[in-house]
Amino acid sequence: MDFATGLALLAAPAFTLGLMGAVVPGVESLGFIRLIGVFVGAVGASYFVAWRGTPAALRAVLGFTLLVRASVGTFTGVAVAVGLFDRGWLMVTVTDLGCAAVQAWLLWRRDDTHA
């Protein structure tokens, strides 16, 4: 999901933001949206590292991306609340905080079963 979104933001930022329901900024800002796409794609690519790795690699990726997702979800939610971003960005908030919750549960569950 993140890998594909990152590639889409990189290749066609205005189109991708439109699909998200977010207001598309002026042309001069699309370069920054592409930069965001690189980061989003890199987070998505990190899951591929865990996919073929060890359980320890999976835990490391889930832990790292949990921090990224919680941070991005919180930031976008606050940014919408204070009027910095439009409501279209709530899709990012809900997706990232939802994924962070699932990842936290998976990490907690793993710890709980071996306590």
N, C-alpha and C. Protein backbone atom coordinates (compact mmCIF):
# COMPACT_ATOMS: atom_id res chain seq x y z
N MET A 1 0.82 -1.18 0.00
CA MET A 1 0.00 0.00 0.00
C MET A 1 0.88 1.25 0.00
N ASP A 2 1.83 1.34 0.94
CA ASP A 2 2.69 2.52 1.00
C ASP A 2 3.64 2.59 -0.19
N PHE A 3 4.15 1.45 -0.58
CA PHE A 3 5.07 1.45 -1.72
C PHE A 3 4.37 1.97 -2.97
N ALA A 4 3.16 1.48 -3.23
CA ALA A 4 2.40 1.93 -4.40
C ALA A 4 2.01 3.40 -4.30
N THR A 5 1.60 3.83 -3.10
CA THR A 5 1.24 5.24 -2.91
C THR A 5 2.45 6.14 -3.12
N GLY A 6 3.58 5.72 -2.59
CA GLY A 6 4.80 6.50 -2.78
C GLY A 6 5.17 6.64 -4.24
N LEU A 7 5.10 5.54 -4.98
CA LEU A 7 5.39 5.61 -6.42
C LEU A 7 4.40 6.53 -7.14
N ALA A 8 3.14 6.45 -6.75
CA ALA A 8 2.12 7.29 -7.37
C ALA A 8 2.35 8.76 -7.07
N LEU A 9 2.72 9.08 -5.82
CA LEU A 9 3.01 10.47 -5.47
C LEU A 9 4.24 10.98 -6.22
N LEU A 10 5.17 10.12 -6.46
CA LEU A 10 6.37 10.48 -7.19
C LEU A 10 6.08 10.70 -8.67
N ALA A 11 5.31 9.80 -9.26
CA ALA A 11 5.05 9.85 -10.70
C ALA A 11 3.96 10.85 -11.08
N ALA A 12 2.92 10.93 -10.30
CA ALA A 12 1.76 11.78 -10.64
C ALA A 12 1.18 12.38 -9.36
N PRO A 13 1.88 13.34 -8.76
CA PRO A 13 1.43 13.85 -7.46
C PRO A 13 0.06 14.50 -7.48
N ALA A 14 -0.24 15.30 -8.46
CA ALA A 14 -1.54 15.98 -8.50
C ALA A 14 -2.67 14.96 -8.65
N PHE A 15 -2.50 14.01 -9.53
CA PHE A 15 -3.51 12.98 -9.75
C PHE A 15 -3.73 12.17 -8.47
N THR A 16 -2.64 11.79 -7.81
CA THR A 16 -2.72 10.97 -6.60
C THR A 16 -3.41 11.72 -5.47
N LEU A 17 -3.06 12.98 -5.27
CA LEU A 17 -3.71 13.78 -4.24
C LEU A 17 -5.20 13.92 -4.55
N GLY A 18 -5.53 14.08 -5.82
CA GLY A 18 -6.94 14.16 -6.22
C GLY A 18 -7.70 12.89 -5.86
N LEU A 19 -7.07 11.74 -6.07
CA LEU A 19 -7.71 10.46 -5.69
C LEU A 19 -7.93 10.37 -4.19
N MET A 20 -7.02 10.97 -3.42
CA MET A 20 -7.14 10.96 -1.97
C MET A 20 -8.22 11.91 -1.49
N GLY A 21 -8.66 12.80 -2.34
CA GLY A 21 -9.63 13.81 -1.94
C GLY A 21 -8.99 15.03 -1.31
N ALA A 22 -7.67 15.15 -1.46
CA ALA A 22 -6.95 16.30 -0.89
C ALA A 22 -6.86 17.40 -1.94
N VAL A 23 -6.81 18.62 -1.46
CA VAL A 23 -6.64 19.76 -2.35
C VAL A 23 -5.25 19.70 -2.97
N VAL A 24 -5.18 19.84 -4.27
CA VAL A 24 -3.90 19.79 -4.97
C VAL A 24 -3.26 21.17 -4.89
N PRO A 25 -2.02 21.23 -4.37
CA PRO A 25 -1.37 22.54 -4.27
C PRO A 25 -0.90 23.03 -5.63
N GLY A 26 -0.39 24.24 -5.66
CA GLY A 26 0.12 24.80 -6.90
C GLY A 26 1.29 24.01 -7.44
N VAL A 27 1.58 24.21 -8.70
CA VAL A 27 2.65 23.48 -9.39
C VAL A 27 3.98 23.61 -8.65
N GLU A 28 4.24 24.77 -8.08
CA GLU A 28 5.51 24.99 -7.39
C GLU A 28 5.68 24.09 -6.16
N SER A 29 4.61 23.53 -5.64
CA SER A 29 4.68 22.66 -4.46
C SER A 29 4.73 21.18 -4.81
N LEU A 30 4.50 20.83 -6.04
CA LEU A 30 4.43 19.40 -6.39
C LEU A 30 5.77 18.69 -6.22
N GLY A 31 6.86 19.42 -6.32
CA GLY A 31 8.17 18.81 -6.06
C GLY A 31 8.26 18.31 -4.62
N PHE A 32 7.69 19.06 -3.69
CA PHE A 32 7.70 18.63 -2.29
C PHE A 32 6.79 17.41 -2.09
N ILE A 33 5.70 17.35 -2.82
CA ILE A 33 4.83 16.18 -2.74
C ILE A 33 5.58 14.96 -3.28
N ARG A 34 6.35 15.14 -4.33
CA ARG A 34 7.17 14.03 -4.84
C ARG A 34 8.18 13.57 -3.79
N LEU A 35 8.77 14.52 -3.07
CA LEU A 35 9.71 14.16 -1.99
C LEU A 35 9.00 13.34 -0.92
N ILE A 36 7.80 13.73 -0.56
CA ILE A 36 7.00 12.94 0.38
C ILE A 36 6.78 11.54 -0.18
N GLY A 37 6.54 11.46 -1.49
CA GLY A 37 6.35 10.16 -2.14
C GLY A 37 7.56 9.25 -1.97
N VAL A 38 8.75 9.82 -2.02
CA VAL A 38 9.96 9.01 -1.82
C VAL A 38 9.96 8.42 -0.42
N PHE A 39 9.62 9.22 0.58
CA PHE A 39 9.59 8.72 1.95
C PHE A 39 8.49 7.67 2.14
N VAL A 40 7.32 7.93 1.60
CA VAL A 40 6.21 6.97 1.72
C VAL A 40 6.59 5.66 1.03
N GLY A 41 7.17 5.75 -0.15
CA GLY A 41 7.59 4.54 -0.86
C GLY A 41 8.66 3.78 -0.11
N ALA A 42 9.58 4.49 0.52
CA ALA A 42 10.65 3.83 1.29
C ALA A 42 10.08 3.09 2.50
N VAL A 43 9.09 3.67 3.17
CA VAL A 43 8.45 2.97 4.27
C VAL A 43 7.79 1.70 3.74
N GLY A 44 7.10 1.80 2.62
CA GLY A 44 6.47 0.62 2.03
C GLY A 44 7.49 -0.43 1.63
N ALA A 45 8.63 0.01 1.08
CA ALA A 45 9.67 -0.93 0.66
C ALA A 45 10.29 -1.65 1.86
N SER A 46 10.27 -1.01 3.03
CA SER A 46 10.85 -1.64 4.21
C SER A 46 10.10 -2.92 4.58
N TYR A 47 8.83 -3.01 4.26
CA TYR A 47 8.08 -4.24 4.54
C TYR A 47 8.60 -5.41 3.70
N PHE A 48 9.13 -5.12 2.50
CA PHE A 48 9.70 -6.18 1.68
C PHE A 48 10.94 -6.79 2.34
N VAL A 49 11.69 -5.98 3.09
CA VAL A 49 12.85 -6.48 3.82
C VAL A 49 12.41 -7.55 4.82
N ALA A 50 11.33 -7.27 5.51
CA ALA A 50 10.83 -8.20 6.52
C ALA A 50 10.16 -9.42 5.90
N TRP A 51 9.60 -9.26 4.73
CA TRP A 51 8.84 -10.34 4.11
C TRP A 51 9.69 -11.59 3.90
N ARG A 52 10.92 -11.42 3.49
CA ARG A 52 11.78 -12.57 3.21
C ARG A 52 12.86 -12.75 4.27
N GLY A 53 12.75 -12.03 5.36
CA GLY A 53 13.76 -12.09 6.40
C GLY A 53 13.37 -12.98 7.55
N THR A 54 13.97 -12.71 8.67
CA THR A 54 13.74 -13.49 9.88
C THR A 54 12.61 -12.85 10.70
N PRO A 55 12.11 -13.58 11.69
CA PRO A 55 11.13 -12.96 12.59
C PRO A 55 11.68 -11.70 13.27
N ALA A 56 12.96 -11.69 13.57
CA ALA A 56 13.57 -10.50 14.18
C ALA A 56 13.53 -9.32 13.21
N ALA A 57 13.73 -9.58 11.92
CA ALA A 57 13.66 -8.51 10.92
C ALA A 57 12.24 -7.97 10.82
N LEU A 58 11.26 -8.85 10.89
CA LEU A 58 9.87 -8.42 10.85
C LEU A 58 9.55 -7.54 12.06
N ARG A 59 9.99 -7.95 13.24
CA ARG A 59 9.75 -7.14 14.44
C ARG A 59 10.41 -5.78 14.33
N ALA A 60 11.62 -5.75 13.78
CA ALA A 60 12.33 -4.47 13.64
C ALA A 60 11.59 -3.54 12.68
N VAL A 61 11.14 -4.08 11.56
CA VAL A 61 10.41 -3.26 10.58
C VAL A 61 9.08 -2.80 11.16
N LEU A 62 8.37 -3.68 11.83
CA LEU A 62 7.10 -3.28 12.44
C LEU A 62 7.30 -2.21 13.50
N GLY A 63 8.36 -2.33 14.28
CA GLY A 63 8.64 -1.33 15.30
C GLY A 63 9.01 0.01 14.71
N PHE A 64 9.85 0.00 13.68
CA PHE A 64 10.26 1.25 13.04
C PHE A 64 9.08 1.92 12.34
N THR A 65 8.35 1.15 11.55
CA THR A 65 7.24 1.75 10.81
C THR A 65 6.09 2.13 11.72
N LEU A 66 5.98 1.48 12.88
CA LEU A 66 4.99 1.89 13.88
C LEU A 66 5.26 3.33 14.32
N LEU A 67 6.50 3.65 14.57
CA LEU A 67 6.87 5.01 14.95
C LEU A 67 6.57 6.01 13.83
N VAL A 68 6.91 5.64 12.61
CA VAL A 68 6.65 6.52 11.47
C VAL A 68 5.14 6.72 11.30
N ARG A 69 4.39 5.64 11.32
CA ARG A 69 2.94 5.74 11.11
C ARG A 69 2.26 6.54 12.21
N ALA A 70 2.63 6.30 13.46
CA ALA A 70 2.03 7.05 14.56
C ALA A 70 2.35 8.54 14.44
N SER A 71 3.57 8.85 14.04
CA SER A 71 3.98 10.25 13.88
C SER A 71 3.23 10.93 12.75
N VAL A 72 3.17 10.28 11.60
CA VAL A 72 2.49 10.86 10.44
C VAL A 72 0.99 10.97 10.71
N GLY A 73 0.40 9.94 11.27
CA GLY A 73 -1.03 9.98 11.57
C GLY A 73 -1.39 11.07 12.55
N THR A 74 -0.57 11.23 13.57
CA THR A 74 -0.82 12.30 14.55
C THR A 74 -0.65 13.67 13.91
N PHE A 75 0.43 13.85 13.16
CA PHE A 75 0.68 15.14 12.53
C PHE A 75 -0.45 15.54 11.58
N THR A 76 -0.86 14.62 10.71
CA THR A 76 -1.90 14.98 9.75
C THR A 76 -3.23 15.25 10.44
N GLY A 77 -3.53 14.50 11.49
CA GLY A 77 -4.76 14.76 12.24
C GLY A 77 -4.76 16.14 12.87
N VAL A 78 -3.65 16.50 13.50
CA VAL A 78 -3.54 17.83 14.11
C VAL A 78 -3.55 18.91 13.03
N ALA A 79 -2.86 18.66 11.92
CA ALA A 79 -2.82 19.65 10.83
C ALA A 79 -4.22 19.92 10.27
N VAL A 80 -5.04 18.88 10.16
CA VAL A 80 -6.42 19.08 9.71
C VAL A 80 -7.20 19.86 10.77
N ALA A 81 -7.02 19.49 12.03
CA ALA A 81 -7.77 20.13 13.12
C ALA A 81 -7.48 21.63 13.22
N VAL A 82 -6.24 22.04 12.95
CA VAL A 82 -5.90 23.46 13.06
C VAL A 82 -6.02 24.21 11.75
N GLY A 83 -6.45 23.51 10.69
CA GLY A 83 -6.67 24.16 9.41
C GLY A 83 -5.47 24.26 8.50
N LEU A 84 -4.38 23.60 8.86
CA LEU A 84 -3.19 23.61 8.01
C LEU A 84 -3.39 22.75 6.76
N PHE A 85 -4.06 21.61 6.92
CA PHE A 85 -4.37 20.70 5.82
C PHE A 85 -5.89 20.61 5.66
N ASP A 86 -6.33 20.28 4.45
CA ASP A 86 -7.76 20.10 4.24
C ASP A 86 -8.18 18.70 4.68
N ARG A 87 -9.49 18.48 4.73
CA ARG A 87 -10.05 17.22 5.25
C ARG A 87 -9.64 15.98 4.46
N GLY A 88 -9.23 16.15 3.22
CA GLY A 88 -8.78 15.00 2.43
C GLY A 88 -7.63 14.26 3.08
N TRP A 89 -6.86 14.97 3.88
CA TRP A 89 -5.71 14.35 4.56
C TRP A 89 -6.12 13.44 5.71
N LEU A 90 -7.40 13.48 6.10
CA LEU A 90 -7.85 12.57 7.16
C LEU A 90 -7.73 11.11 6.74
N MET A 91 -7.72 10.85 5.43
CA MET A 91 -7.50 9.49 4.95
C MET A 91 -6.13 8.99 5.40
N VAL A 92 -5.15 9.87 5.35
CA VAL A 92 -3.81 9.52 5.81
C VAL A 92 -3.82 9.29 7.32
N THR A 93 -4.50 10.17 8.05
CA THR A 93 -4.59 10.04 9.50
C THR A 93 -5.19 8.68 9.89
N VAL A 94 -6.32 8.37 9.32
CA VAL A 94 -7.03 7.13 9.68
C VAL A 94 -6.20 5.90 9.27
N THR A 95 -5.65 5.93 8.08
CA THR A 95 -4.86 4.78 7.60
C THR A 95 -3.63 4.57 8.46
N ASP A 96 -2.87 5.63 8.70
CA ASP A 96 -1.63 5.46 9.45
C ASP A 96 -1.87 5.11 10.92
N LEU A 97 -2.82 5.77 11.56
CA LEU A 97 -3.10 5.43 12.95
C LEU A 97 -3.71 4.03 13.08
N GLY A 98 -4.52 3.65 12.10
CA GLY A 98 -5.08 2.29 12.09
C GLY A 98 -4.00 1.23 11.93
N CYS A 99 -3.11 1.45 10.98
CA CYS A 99 -2.00 0.51 10.78
C CYS A 99 -1.08 0.48 11.99
N ALA A 100 -0.83 1.64 12.59
CA ALA A 100 0.00 1.70 13.79
C ALA A 100 -0.62 0.88 14.92
N ALA A 101 -1.93 0.97 15.07
CA ALA A 101 -2.62 0.20 16.12
C ALA A 101 -2.48 -1.30 15.87
N VAL A 102 -2.65 -1.72 14.62
CA VAL A 102 -2.52 -3.15 14.29
C VAL A 102 -1.09 -3.61 14.54
N GLN A 103 -0.11 -2.80 14.12
CA GLN A 103 1.28 -3.18 14.32
C GLN A 103 1.63 -3.24 15.80
N ALA A 104 1.13 -2.29 16.59
CA ALA A 104 1.38 -2.31 18.03
C ALA A 104 0.78 -3.56 18.65
N TRP A 105 -0.41 -3.91 18.22
CA TRP A 105 -1.06 -5.12 18.74
C TRP A 105 -0.25 -6.36 18.37
N LEU A 106 0.24 -6.44 17.13
CA LEU A 106 1.05 -7.59 16.71
C LEU A 106 2.33 -7.69 17.53
N LEU A 107 2.97 -6.57 17.76
CA LEU A 107 4.20 -6.57 18.55
C LEU A 107 3.92 -6.93 20.00
N TRP A 108 2.85 -6.39 20.57
CA TRP A 108 2.47 -6.69 21.95
C TRP A 108 2.08 -8.16 22.09
N ARG A 109 1.31 -8.63 21.12
CA ARG A 109 0.83 -10.01 21.15
C ARG A 109 2.00 -10.98 21.14
N ARG A 110 2.98 -10.69 20.34
CA ARG A 110 4.16 -11.54 20.25
C ARG A 110 4.90 -11.56 21.60
N ASP A 111 5.03 -10.39 22.24
CA ASP A 111 5.68 -10.32 23.54
C ASP A 111 4.88 -11.09 24.58
N ASP A 112 3.56 -10.97 24.54
CA ASP A 112 2.68 -11.56 25.52
C ASP A 112 2.72 -13.09 25.47
N THR A 113 2.84 -13.66 24.27
CA THR A 113 2.80 -15.12 24.15
C THR A 113 4.10 -15.78 24.62
N HIS A 114 5.18 -15.00 24.75
CA HIS A 114 6.46 -15.59 25.17
C HIS A 114 6.90 -15.05 26.54
N ALA A 115 5.96 -14.50 27.29
CA ALA A 115 6.32 -13.93 28.59
C ALA A 115 6.53 -15.01 29.62
